[in-house]
């Protein structure tokens, strides 16, 4: 029993000594702002290209606006493209705000 206690104390003492040596010999890396900018530029998501909008022609009819079926479909494609574009921009905003 006495021998096991001596071995445990010796082990704890050697681990504490090793931890002390390790913690005093470690240096923190000095990162310059230029290195930070380079790293951010390398991992930053690319800015999405704004979508090309299809022309939509509204006609003034009977006291309101009227869309032909083709213009309605063009407007729908424009809305879908803008939603996709907005979603990509939100991803970039979250990246720069460091949100998860």
Protein backbone atom coordinates (compact mmCIF):
# COMPACT_ATOMS: atom_id res chain seq x y z
CA UNK A 1 0.00 0.00 0.00
CA UNK A 2 2.80 2.38 0.90
CA UNK A 3 4.58 1.67 -2.38
CA UNK A 4 1.46 2.54 -4.46
CA UNK A 5 1.07 5.86 -2.63
CA UNK A 6 4.69 6.72 -3.31
CA UNK A 7 4.27 5.90 -7.00
CA UNK A 8 1.09 8.01 -7.21
CA UNK A 9 2.80 10.97 -5.56
CA UNK A 10 5.80 10.61 -7.84
CA UNK A 11 3.53 10.44 -10.89
CA UNK A 12 1.52 13.51 -9.80
CA UNK A 13 4.71 15.43 -9.07
CA UNK A 14 6.24 14.57 -12.44
CA UNK A 15 3.00 15.50 -14.28
CA UNK A 16 2.82 18.84 -12.48
CA UNK A 17 6.46 19.48 -13.31
CA UNK A 18 5.88 18.61 -16.99
CA UNK A 19 2.79 20.83 -17.11
CA UNK A 20 4.74 23.73 -15.63
CA UNK A 21 7.58 23.32 -18.12
CA UNK A 22 5.14 23.01 -21.02
CA UNK A 23 3.07 26.05 -20.07
CA UNK A 24 6.10 28.31 -19.58
CA UNK A 25 7.75 27.26 -22.84
CA UNK A 26 4.68 27.85 -25.02
CA UNK A 27 4.56 31.14 -26.85
CA UNK A 28 1.50 32.72 -28.31
CA UNK A 29 1.84 33.56 -31.96
CA UNK A 30 1.90 37.25 -32.70
CA UNK A 31 -0.57 37.69 -35.53
CA UNK A 32 -0.37 40.97 -37.37
CA UNK A 33 -3.43 42.73 -38.78
CA UNK A 34 -2.04 42.19 -42.27
CA UNK A 35 -2.04 38.42 -41.74
CA UNK A 36 -5.60 38.59 -40.44
CA UNK A 37 -6.71 40.51 -43.53
CA UNK A 38 -4.98 38.00 -45.83
CA UNK A 39 -6.64 35.10 -44.06
CA UNK A 40 -10.08 36.71 -44.18
CA UNK A 41 -9.61 37.50 -47.87
CA UNK A 42 -8.69 33.88 -48.55
CA UNK A 43 -11.68 32.36 -46.77
CA UNK A 44 -14.26 35.07 -47.45
CA UNK A 45 -17.20 33.98 -49.55
CA UNK A 46 -17.33 35.64 -52.97
CA UNK A 47 -19.79 38.47 -53.48
CA UNK A 48 -22.66 37.14 -55.59
CA UNK A 49 -23.40 38.71 -58.93
CA UNK A 50 -26.73 40.55 -58.96
CA UNK A 51 -29.27 38.69 -61.09
CA UNK A 52 -30.25 40.01 -64.49
CA UNK A 53 -33.84 41.18 -64.33
CA UNK A 54 -36.21 40.35 -67.15
CA UNK A 55 -38.32 43.27 -68.32
CA UNK A 56 -41.94 43.19 -67.15
CA UNK A 57 -44.59 45.32 -68.84
CA UNK A 58 -47.61 46.32 -66.76
CA UNK A 59 -50.61 47.61 -68.69
CA UNK A 60 -53.13 50.07 -67.29
CA UNK A 61 -56.55 48.48 -67.83
CA UNK A 62 -59.97 48.98 -66.29
CA UNK A 63 -58.71 51.11 -63.41
CA UNK A 64 -55.94 48.68 -62.49
CA UNK A 65 -52.76 47.04 -63.69
CA UNK A 66 -52.76 43.99 -65.94
CA UNK A 67 -50.01 41.48 -66.70
CA UNK A 68 -49.91 39.11 -69.60
CA UNK A 69 -49.06 35.49 -68.82
CA UNK A 70 -45.51 35.88 -70.21
CA UNK A 71 -44.91 39.00 -68.13
CA UNK A 72 -46.32 37.25 -65.07
CA UNK A 73 -43.84 34.39 -65.54
CA UNK A 74 -40.98 36.89 -66.05
CA UNK A 75 -41.97 38.67 -62.83
CA UNK A 76 -42.05 35.32 -61.03
CA UNK A 77 -38.54 34.45 -62.27
CA UNK A 78 -37.32 37.90 -61.17
CA UNK A 79 -38.73 37.38 -57.67
CA UNK A 80 -37.16 33.92 -57.37
CA UNK A 81 -33.78 35.27 -58.55
CA UNK A 82 -33.93 38.15 -56.06
CA UNK A 83 -34.78 35.77 -53.19
CA UNK A 84 -31.79 33.59 -54.08
CA UNK A 85 -29.59 36.68 -54.28
CA UNK A 86 -30.83 37.90 -50.88
CA UNK A 87 -30.15 34.48 -49.34
CA UNK A 88 -26.56 34.54 -50.63
CA UNK A 89 -26.07 38.04 -49.24
CA UNK A 90 -27.37 36.90 -45.85
CA UNK A 91 -24.76 34.14 -45.81
CA UNK A 92 -22.03 36.72 -46.42
CA UNK A 93 -23.43 38.98 -43.69
CA UNK A 94 -23.44 36.08 -41.22
CA UNK A 95 -19.82 35.31 -42.17
CA UNK A 96 -18.66 38.82 -41.37
CA UNK A 97 -20.72 39.02 -38.19
CA UNK A 98 -19.32 35.61 -37.17
CA UNK A 99 -22.79 34.18 -36.59
CA UNK A 100 -23.46 30.46 -36.65
